[in-house]
């Protein structure tokens, strides 16, 4: 992957949303950020969710909450020592 000039804050306790036009490299930027983070913090504390994944039912707020909670539980169960930083 090509390094980008964009620098995202890695030392924040806040959720970071990266919003831009389609196919401009947002996912690559996030993967680079995950890679940097994985050198300094426990990988089990990193979560990457692709909300464009067709397997997710995001039709309403309650279903979306249930889907995300289910993904988090599955991630902790199946990847307890690796984290959840790949497309689920």
PDB file of N, CA and C in Angstrom:
ATOM      1  N   UNK A   1       0.818  -1.182   0.000  1.00  0.00           N
ATOM      2  CA  UNK A   1       0.000   0.000   0.000  1.00  0.00           C
ATOM      3  C   UNK A   1       0.866   1.251   0.000  1.00  0.00           C
ATOM      4  N   UNK A   2       0.412   2.228  -0.693  1.00  0.00           N
ATOM      5  CA  UNK A   2       1.127   3.498  -0.764  1.00  0.00           C
ATOM      6  C   UNK A   2       0.786   4.336   0.470  1.00  0.00           C
ATOM      7  N   UNK A   3       1.803   4.901   1.081  1.00  0.00           N
ATOM      8  CA  UNK A   3       1.576   5.764   2.236  1.00  0.00           C
ATOM      9  C   UNK A   3       0.844   7.031   1.795  1.00  0.00           C
ATOM     10  N   UNK A   4      -0.044   7.503   2.596  1.00  0.00           N
ATOM     11  CA  UNK A   4      -0.825   8.715   2.294  1.00  0.00           C
ATOM     12  C   UNK A   4      -0.338   9.868   3.155  1.00  0.00           C
ATOM     13  N   UNK A   5      -0.611  11.075   2.688  1.00  0.00           N
ATOM     14  CA  UNK A   5      -0.228  12.270   3.435  1.00  0.00           C
ATOM     15  C   UNK A   5      -1.155  12.518   4.621  1.00  0.00           C
ATOM     16  N   UNK A   6      -2.343  11.950   4.579  1.00  0.00           N
ATOM     17  CA  UNK A   6      -3.322  12.157   5.639  1.00  0.00           C
ATOM     18  C   UNK A   6      -2.854  11.514   6.938  1.00  0.00           C
ATOM     19  N   UNK A   7      -2.907  12.256   8.019  1.00  0.00           N
ATOM     20  CA  UNK A   7      -2.555  11.732   9.338  1.00  0.00           C
ATOM     21  C   UNK A   7      -3.798  11.754  10.215  1.00  0.00           C
ATOM     22  N   UNK A   8      -4.206  10.585  10.672  1.00  0.00           N
ATOM     23  CA  UNK A   8      -5.341  10.479  11.583  1.00  0.00           C
ATOM     24  C   UNK A   8      -4.819  10.348  13.002  1.00  0.00           C
ATOM     25  N   UNK A   9      -5.520  10.921  13.971  1.00  0.00           N
ATOM     26  CA  UNK A   9      -5.057  10.818  15.362  1.00  0.00           C
ATOM     27  C   UNK A   9      -5.180   9.388  15.877  1.00  0.00           C
ATOM     28  N   UNK A  10      -4.059   8.802  16.262  1.00  0.00           N
ATOM     29  CA  UNK A  10      -4.062   7.433  16.768  1.00  0.00           C
ATOM     30  C   UNK A  10      -4.124   7.378  18.289  1.00  0.00           C
ATOM     31  N   UNK A  11      -3.984   8.504  18.950  1.00  0.00           N
ATOM     32  CA  UNK A  11      -3.927   8.523  20.417  1.00  0.00           C
ATOM     33  C   UNK A  11      -5.212   9.063  21.037  1.00  0.00           C
ATOM     34  N   UNK A  12      -6.310   8.956  20.346  1.00  0.00           N
ATOM     35  CA  UNK A  12      -7.573   9.462  20.851  1.00  0.00           C
ATOM     36  C   UNK A  12      -8.410   8.327  21.434  1.00  0.00           C
ATOM     37  N   UNK A  13      -9.279   8.644  22.341  1.00  0.00           N
ATOM     38  CA  UNK A  13     -10.207   7.668  22.903  1.00  0.00           C
ATOM     39  C   UNK A  13     -11.557   7.759  22.204  1.00  0.00           C
ATOM     40  N   UNK A  14     -11.593   8.449  21.066  1.00  0.00           N
ATOM     41  CA  UNK A  14     -12.841   8.669  20.346  1.00  0.00           C
ATOM     42  C   UNK A  14     -12.903   7.793  19.099  1.00  0.00           C
ATOM     43  N   UNK A  15     -14.098   7.586  18.622  1.00  0.00           N
ATOM     44  CA  UNK A  15     -14.311   6.876  17.372  1.00  0.00           C
ATOM     45  C   UNK A  15     -13.944   7.817  16.230  1.00  0.00           C
ATOM     46  N   UNK A  16     -13.257   7.279  15.231  1.00  0.00           N
ATOM     47  CA  UNK A  16     -12.871   8.075  14.076  1.00  0.00           C
ATOM     48  C   UNK A  16     -13.703   7.622  12.885  1.00  0.00           C
ATOM     49  N   UNK A  17     -14.381   8.567  12.250  1.00  0.00           N
ATOM     50  CA  UNK A  17     -15.136   8.284  11.029  1.00  0.00           C
ATOM     51  C   UNK A  17     -14.414   8.944   9.875  1.00  0.00           C
ATOM     52  N   UNK A  18     -14.147   8.185   8.855  1.00  0.00           N
ATOM     53  CA  UNK A  18     -13.468   8.695   7.673  1.00  0.00           C
ATOM     54  C   UNK A  18     -14.490   8.728   6.543  1.00  0.00           C
ATOM     55  N   UNK A  19     -14.891   9.931   6.153  1.00  0.00           N
ATOM     56  CA  UNK A  19     -15.956  10.101   5.163  1.00  0.00           C
ATOM     57  C   UNK A  19     -15.378  10.806   3.939  1.00  0.00           C
ATOM     58  N   UNK A  20     -15.592  10.215   2.770  1.00  0.00           N
ATOM     59  CA  UNK A  20     -15.103  10.807   1.518  1.00  0.00           C
ATOM     60  C   UNK A  20     -15.822  10.142   0.346  1.00  0.00           C
ATOM     61  N   UNK A  21     -15.511  10.601  -0.860  1.00  0.00           N
ATOM     62  CA  UNK A  21     -16.132  10.043  -2.059  1.00  0.00           C
ATOM     63  C   UNK A  21     -15.712   8.588  -2.244  1.00  0.00           C
ATOM     64  N   UNK A  22     -16.436   7.883  -3.078  1.00  0.00           N
ATOM     65  CA  UNK A  22     -16.147   6.464  -3.344  1.00  0.00           C
ATOM     66  C   UNK A  22     -14.796   6.288  -4.019  1.00  0.00           C
ATOM     67  N   UNK A  23     -14.137   5.171  -3.683  1.00  0.00           N
ATOM     68  CA  UNK A  23     -12.913   4.710  -4.331  1.00  0.00           C
ATOM     69  C   UNK A  23     -11.756   5.713  -4.275  1.00  0.00           C
ATOM     70  N   UNK A  24     -11.677   6.427  -3.160  1.00  0.00           N
ATOM     71  CA  UNK A  24     -10.577   7.397  -3.022  1.00  0.00           C
ATOM     72  C   UNK A  24      -9.485   6.892  -2.086  1.00  0.00           C
ATOM     73  N   UNK A  25      -9.647   5.697  -1.504  1.00  0.00           N
ATOM     74  CA  UNK A  25      -8.612   5.134  -0.658  1.00  0.00           C
ATOM     75  C   UNK A  25      -8.920   5.123   0.829  1.00  0.00           C
ATOM     76  N   UNK A  26     -10.184   5.307   1.212  1.00  0.00           N
ATOM     77  CA  UNK A  26     -10.539   5.326   2.637  1.00  0.00           C
ATOM     78  C   UNK A  26     -10.174   4.014   3.334  1.00  0.00           C
ATOM     79  N   UNK A  27     -10.504   2.890   2.712  1.00  0.00           N
ATOM     80  CA  UNK A  27     -10.211   1.599   3.327  1.00  0.00           C
ATOM     81  C   UNK A  27      -8.713   1.393   3.456  1.00  0.00           C
ATOM     82  N   UNK A  28      -7.949   1.773   2.456  1.00  0.00           N
ATOM     83  CA  UNK A  28      -6.485   1.658   2.529  1.00  0.00           C
ATOM     84  C   UNK A  28      -5.925   2.498   3.667  1.00  0.00           C
ATOM     85  N   UNK A  29      -6.459   3.699   3.836  1.00  0.00           N
ATOM     86  CA  UNK A  29      -6.022   4.565   4.936  1.00  0.00           C
ATOM     87  C   UNK A  29      -6.326   3.895   6.273  1.00  0.00           C
ATOM     88  N   UNK A  30      -7.516   3.319   6.399  1.00  0.00           N
ATOM     89  CA  UNK A  30      -7.876   2.667   7.656  1.00  0.00           C
ATOM     90  C   UNK A  30      -7.021   1.431   7.913  1.00  0.00           C
ATOM     91  N   UNK A  31      -6.729   0.644   6.867  1.00  0.00           N
ATOM     92  CA  UNK A  31      -5.848  -0.519   7.044  1.00  0.00           C
ATOM     93  C   UNK A  31      -4.449  -0.085   7.464  1.00  0.00           C
ATOM     94  N   UNK A  32      -3.942   1.004   6.888  1.00  0.00           N
ATOM     95  CA  UNK A  32      -2.638   1.525   7.316  1.00  0.00           C
ATOM     96  C   UNK A  32      -2.680   1.968   8.781  1.00  0.00           C
ATOM     97  N   UNK A  33      -3.772   2.600   9.169  1.00  0.00           N
ATOM     98  CA  UNK A  33      -3.938   3.037  10.557  1.00  0.00           C
ATOM     99  C   UNK A  33      -3.981   1.824  11.499  1.00  0.00           C
ATOM    100  N   UNK A  34      -4.703   0.783  11.112  1.00  0.00           N
ATOM    101  CA  UNK A  34      -4.778  -0.440  11.909  1.00  0.00           C
ATOM    102  C   UNK A  34      -3.394  -1.057  12.048  1.00  0.00           C
ATOM    103  N   UNK A  35      -2.644  -1.076  10.963  1.00  0.00           N
ATOM    104  CA  UNK A  35      -1.289  -1.628  10.997  1.00  0.00           C
ATOM    105  C   UNK A  35      -0.411  -0.847  11.979  1.00  0.00           C
ATOM    106  N   UNK A  36      -0.475   0.479  11.938  1.00  0.00           N
ATOM    107  CA  UNK A  36       0.310   1.298  12.874  1.00  0.00           C
ATOM    108  C   UNK A  36      -0.124   1.037  14.319  1.00  0.00           C
ATOM    109  N   UNK A  37      -1.434   0.995  14.530  1.00  0.00           N
ATOM    110  CA  UNK A  37      -1.946   0.754  15.885  1.00  0.00           C
ATOM    111  C   UNK A  37      -1.503  -0.603  16.419  1.00  0.00           C
ATOM    112  N   UNK A  38      -1.467  -1.605  15.550  1.00  0.00           N
ATOM    113  CA  UNK A  38      -1.157  -2.959  15.994  1.00  0.00           C
ATOM    114  C   UNK A  38       0.278  -3.097  16.512  1.00  0.00           C
ATOM    115  N   UNK A  39       1.124  -2.108  16.217  1.00  0.00           N
ATOM    116  CA  UNK A  39       2.497  -2.125  16.727  1.00  0.00           C
ATOM    117  C   UNK A  39       2.601  -1.519  18.125  1.00  0.00           C
ATOM    118  N   UNK A  40       1.560  -0.783  18.534  1.00  0.00           N
ATOM    119  CA  UNK A  40       1.648  -0.076  19.819  1.00  0.00           C
ATOM    120  C   UNK A  40       0.604  -0.500  20.840  1.00  0.00           C
ATOM    121  N   UNK A  41      -0.488  -1.113  20.392  1.00  0.00           N
ATOM    122  CA  UNK A  41      -1.513  -1.544  21.344  1.00  0.00           C
ATOM    123  C   UNK A  41      -1.892  -2.998  21.073  1.00  0.00           C
ATOM    124  N   UNK A  42      -2.596  -3.582  22.011  1.00  0.00           N
ATOM    125  CA  UNK A  42      -3.068  -4.955  21.904  1.00  0.00           C
ATOM    126  C   UNK A  42      -4.052  -5.074  20.740  1.00  0.00           C
ATOM    127  N   UNK A  43      -3.819  -6.003  19.841  1.00  0.00           N
ATOM    128  CA  UNK A  43      -4.680  -6.171  18.667  1.00  0.00           C
ATOM    129  C   UNK A  43      -6.118  -6.486  19.037  1.00  0.00           C
ATOM    130  N   UNK A  44      -6.341  -7.045  20.214  1.00  0.00           N
ATOM    131  CA  UNK A  44      -7.709  -7.367  20.612  1.00  0.00           C
ATOM    132  C   UNK A  44      -8.522  -6.116  20.908  1.00  0.00           C
ATOM    133  N   UNK A  45      -7.882  -4.967  20.941  1.00  0.00           N
ATOM    134  CA  UNK A  45      -8.583  -3.712  21.190  1.00  0.00           C
ATOM    135  C   UNK A  45      -8.904  -2.964  19.893  1.00  0.00           C
ATOM    136  N   UNK A  46      -8.634  -3.585  18.747  1.00  0.00           N
ATOM    137  CA  UNK A  46      -8.882  -2.966  17.451  1.00  0.00           C
ATOM    138  C   UNK A  46     -10.095  -3.629  16.806  1.00  0.00           C
ATOM    139  N   UNK A  47     -11.014  -2.820  16.330  1.00  0.00           N
ATOM    140  CA  UNK A  47     -12.209  -3.338  15.667  1.00  0.00           C
ATOM    141  C   UNK A  47     -12.407  -2.604  14.353  1.00  0.00           C
ATOM    142  N   UNK A  48     -12.578  -3.356  13.269  1.00  0.00           N
ATOM    143  CA  UNK A  48     -12.892  -2.786  11.969  1.00  0.00           C
ATOM    144  C   UNK A  48     -14.139  -3.485  11.457  1.00  0.00           C
ATOM    145  N   UNK A  49     -15.192  -2.715  11.215  1.00  0.00           N
ATOM    146  CA  UNK A  49     -16.428  -3.255  10.663  1.00  0.00           C
ATOM    147  C   UNK A  49     -16.687  -2.627   9.306  1.00  0.00           C
ATOM    148  N   UNK A  50     -16.976  -3.453   8.320  1.00  0.00           N
ATOM    149  CA  UNK A  50     -17.327  -2.979   6.998  1.00  0.00           C
ATOM    150  C   UNK A  50     -18.850  -2.994   6.901  1.00  0.00           C
ATOM    151  N   UNK A  51     -19.460  -1.823   6.995  1.00  0.00           N
ATOM    152  CA  UNK A  51     -20.921  -1.748   6.990  1.00  0.00           C
ATOM    153  C   UNK A  51     -21.512  -1.894   5.595  1.00  0.00           C
ATOM    154  N   UNK A  52     -20.675  -2.069   4.592  1.00  0.00           N
ATOM    155  CA  UNK A  52     -21.179  -2.354   3.253  1.00  0.00           C
ATOM    156  C   UNK A  52     -21.241  -3.860   2.998  1.00  0.00           C
ATOM    157  N   UNK A  53     -20.869  -4.652   3.986  1.00  0.00           N
ATOM    158  CA  UNK A  53     -20.911  -6.104   3.867  1.00  0.00           C
ATOM    159  C   UNK A  53     -22.375  -6.542   3.743  1.00  0.00           C
ATOM    160  N   UNK A  54     -22.688  -7.243   2.659  1.00  0.00           N
ATOM    161  CA  UNK A  54     -24.062  -7.654   2.398  1.00  0.00           C
ATOM    162  C   UNK A  54     -24.605  -8.635   3.424  1.00  0.00           C
ATOM    163  N   UNK A  55     -23.728  -9.254   4.194  1.00  0.00           N
ATOM    164  CA  UNK A  55     -24.183 -10.212   5.209  1.00  0.00           C
ATOM    165  C   UNK A  55     -24.797  -9.515   6.418  1.00  0.00           C
ATOM    166  N   UNK A  56     -24.568  -8.220   6.559  1.00  0.00           N
ATOM    167  CA  UNK A  56     -25.135  -7.469   7.680  1.00  0.00           C
ATOM    168  C   UNK A  56     -26.535  -6.994   7.338  1.00  0.00           C
ATOM    169  N   UNK A  57     -27.447  -7.148   8.280  1.00  0.00           N
ATOM    170  CA  UNK A  57     -28.802  -6.617   8.114  1.00  0.00           C
ATOM    171  C   UNK A  57     -28.855  -5.311   8.890  1.00  0.00           C
ATOM    172  N   UNK A  58     -28.817  -4.209   8.169  1.00  0.00           N
ATOM    173  CA  UNK A  58     -28.808  -2.890   8.803  1.00  0.00           C
ATOM    174  C   UNK A  58     -30.111  -2.144   8.530  1.00  0.00           C
ATOM    175  N   UNK A  59     -31.204  -2.905   8.379  1.00  0.00           N
ATOM    176  CA  UNK A  59     -32.468  -2.330   7.945  1.00  0.00           C
ATOM    177  C   UNK A  59     -33.091  -1.359   8.954  1.00  0.00           C
ATOM    178  N   UNK A  60     -32.861  -1.561  10.225  1.00  0.00           N
ATOM    179  CA  UNK A  60     -33.374  -0.631  11.233  1.00  0.00           C
ATOM    180  C   UNK A  60     -32.433  -0.604  12.436  1.00  0.00           C
ATOM    181  N   UNK A  61     -32.674   0.322  13.334  1.00  0.00           N
ATOM    182  CA  UNK A  61     -31.764   0.533  14.465  1.00  0.00           C
ATOM    183  C   UNK A  61     -31.643  -0.693  15.370  1.00  0.00           C
ATOM    184  N   UNK A  62     -32.738  -1.355  15.675  1.00  0.00           N
ATOM    185  CA  UNK A  62     -32.697  -2.509  16.573  1.00  0.00           C
ATOM    186  C   UNK A  62     -31.961  -3.684  15.932  1.00  0.00           C
ATOM    187  N   UNK A  63     -32.238  -3.924  14.650  1.00  0.00           N
ATOM    188  CA  UNK A  63     -31.548  -5.002  13.952  1.00  0.00           C
ATOM    189  C   UNK A  63     -30.062  -4.696  13.842  1.00  0.00           C
ATOM    190  N   UNK A  64     -29.726  -3.443  13.539  1.00  0.00           N
ATOM    191  CA  UNK A  64     -28.326  -3.029  13.426  1.00  0.00           C
ATOM    192  C   UNK A  64     -27.601  -3.248  14.750  1.00  0.00           C
ATOM    193  N   UNK A  65     -28.209  -2.848  15.859  1.00  0.00           N
ATOM    194  CA  UNK A  65     -27.591  -3.050  17.176  1.00  0.00           C
ATOM    195  C   UNK A  65     -27.359  -4.528  17.454  1.00  0.00           C
ATOM    196  N   UNK A  66     -28.355  -5.368  17.135  1.00  0.00           N
ATOM    197  CA  UNK A  66     -28.232  -6.804  17.350  1.00  0.00           C
ATOM    198  C   UNK A  66     -27.110  -7.388  16.486  1.00  0.00           C
ATOM    199  N   UNK A  67     -27.018  -6.951  15.238  1.00  0.00           N
ATOM    200  CA  UNK A  67     -25.969  -7.435  14.333  1.00  0.00           C
ATOM    201  C   UNK A  67     -24.579  -7.073  14.858  1.00  0.00           C
ATOM    202  N   UNK A  68     -24.399  -5.835  15.266  1.00  0.00           N
ATOM    203  CA  UNK A  68     -23.084  -5.387  15.747  1.00  0.00           C
ATOM    204  C   UNK A  68     -22.716  -6.122  17.034  1.00  0.00           C
ATOM    205  N   UNK A  69     -23.664  -6.254  17.958  1.00  0.00           N
ATOM    206  CA  UNK A  69     -23.387  -6.990  19.193  1.00  0.00           C
ATOM    207  C   UNK A  69     -23.032  -8.443  18.903  1.00  0.00           C
ATOM    208  N   UNK A  70     -23.742  -9.053  17.953  1.00  0.00           N
ATOM    209  CA  UNK A  70     -23.441 -10.430  17.574  1.00  0.00           C
ATOM    210  C   UNK A  70     -22.056 -10.565  16.965  1.00  0.00           C
ATOM    211  N   UNK A  71     -21.657  -9.602  16.137  1.00  0.00           N
ATOM    212  CA  UNK A  71     -20.321  -9.619  15.551  1.00  0.00           C
ATOM    213  C   UNK A  71     -19.245  -9.485  16.616  1.00  0.00           C
ATOM    214  N   UNK A  72     -19.472  -8.603  17.583  1.00  0.00           N
ATOM    215  CA  UNK A  72     -18.496  -8.428  18.661  1.00  0.00           C
ATOM    216  C   UNK A  72     -18.355  -9.705  19.485  1.00  0.00           C
ATOM    217  N   UNK A  73     -19.475 -10.355  19.797  1.00  0.00           N
ATOM    218  CA  UNK A  73     -19.423 -11.602  20.551  1.00  0.00           C
ATOM    219  C   UNK A  73     -18.711 -12.695  19.763  1.00  0.00           C
ATOM    220  N   UNK A  74     -19.018 -12.799  18.473  1.00  0.00           N
ATOM    221  CA  UNK A  74     -18.371 -13.811  17.636  1.00  0.00           C
ATOM    222  C   UNK A  74     -16.880 -13.544  17.526  1.00  0.00           C
ATOM    223  N   UNK A  75     -16.512 -12.300  17.394  1.00  0.00           N
ATOM    224  CA  UNK A  75     -15.100 -11.941  17.287  1.00  0.00           C
ATOM    225  C   UNK A  75     -14.355 -12.329  18.553  1.00  0.00           C
ATOM    226  N   UNK A  76     -14.920 -12.014  19.696  1.00  0.00           N
ATOM    227  CA  UNK A  76     -14.270 -12.353  20.964  1.00  0.00           C
ATOM    228  C   UNK A  76     -14.179 -13.864  21.144  1.00  0.00           C
ATOM    229  N   UNK A  77     -15.161 -14.584  20.648  1.00  0.00           N
ATOM    230  CA  UNK A  77     -15.169 -16.034  20.790  1.00  0.00           C
ATOM    231  C   UNK A  77     -14.171 -16.711  19.844  1.00  0.00           C
ATOM    232  N   UNK A  78     -14.202 -16.325  18.574  1.00  0.00           N
ATOM    233  CA  UNK A  78     -13.386 -17.007  17.566  1.00  0.00           C
ATOM    234  C   UNK A  78     -11.983 -16.437  17.404  1.00  0.00           C
ATOM    235  N   UNK A  79     -11.778 -15.192  17.811  1.00  0.00           N
ATOM    236  CA  UNK A  79     -10.463 -14.560  17.688  1.00  0.00           C
ATOM    237  C   UNK A  79     -10.063 -13.907  19.006  1.00  0.00           C
ATOM    238  N   UNK A  80     -10.033 -14.639  20.091  1.00  0.00           N
ATOM    239  CA  UNK A  80      -9.783 -14.002  21.396  1.00  0.00           C
ATOM    240  C   UNK A  80      -8.428 -13.341  21.521  1.00  0.00           C
ATOM    241  N   UNK A  81      -7.440 -13.763  20.781  1.00  0.00           N
ATOM    242  CA  UNK A  81      -6.099 -13.201  20.913  1.00  0.00           C
ATOM    243  C   UNK A  81      -5.651 -12.394  19.708  1.00  0.00           C
ATOM    244  N   UNK A  82      -6.496 -12.258  18.705  1.00  0.00           N
ATOM    245  CA  UNK A  82      -6.077 -11.591  17.459  1.00  0.00           C
ATOM    246  C   UNK A  82      -6.782 -10.285  17.192  1.00  0.00           C
ATOM    247  N   UNK A  83      -7.898 -10.016  17.786  1.00  0.00           N
ATOM    248  CA  UNK A  83      -8.639  -8.805  17.484  1.00  0.00           C
ATOM    249  C   UNK A  83      -9.549  -9.002  16.286  1.00  0.00           C
ATOM    250  N   UNK A  84     -10.262  -7.965  15.950  1.00  0.00           N
ATOM    251  CA  UNK A  84     -11.276  -8.045  14.892  1.00  0.00           C
ATOM    252  C   UNK A  84     -11.040  -6.949  13.879  1.00  0.00           C
ATOM    253  N   UNK A  85      -9.905  -6.988  13.238  1.00  0.00           N
ATOM    254  CA  UNK A  85      -9.576  -5.897  12.341  1.00  0.00           C
ATOM    255  C   UNK A  85      -9.619  -6.284  10.884  1.00  0.00           C
ATOM    256  N   UNK A  86     -10.281  -7.352  10.541  1.00  0.00           N
ATOM    257  CA  UNK A  86     -10.482  -7.701   9.132  1.00  0.00           C
ATOM    258  C   UNK A  86     -11.965  -7.634   8.834  1.00  0.00           C
ATOM    259  N   UNK A  87     -12.301  -7.641   7.556  1.00  0.00           N
ATOM    260  CA  UNK A  87     -13.718  -7.629   7.188  1.00  0.00           C
ATOM    261  C   UNK A  87     -14.396  -8.839   7.796  1.00  0.00           C
ATOM    262  N   UNK A  88     -15.461  -8.594   8.511  1.00  0.00           N
ATOM    263  CA  UNK A  88     -16.167  -9.699   9.173  1.00  0.00           C
ATOM    264  C   UNK A  88     -17.297 -10.199   8.318  1.00  0.00           C
TER     265      UNK A  88
END
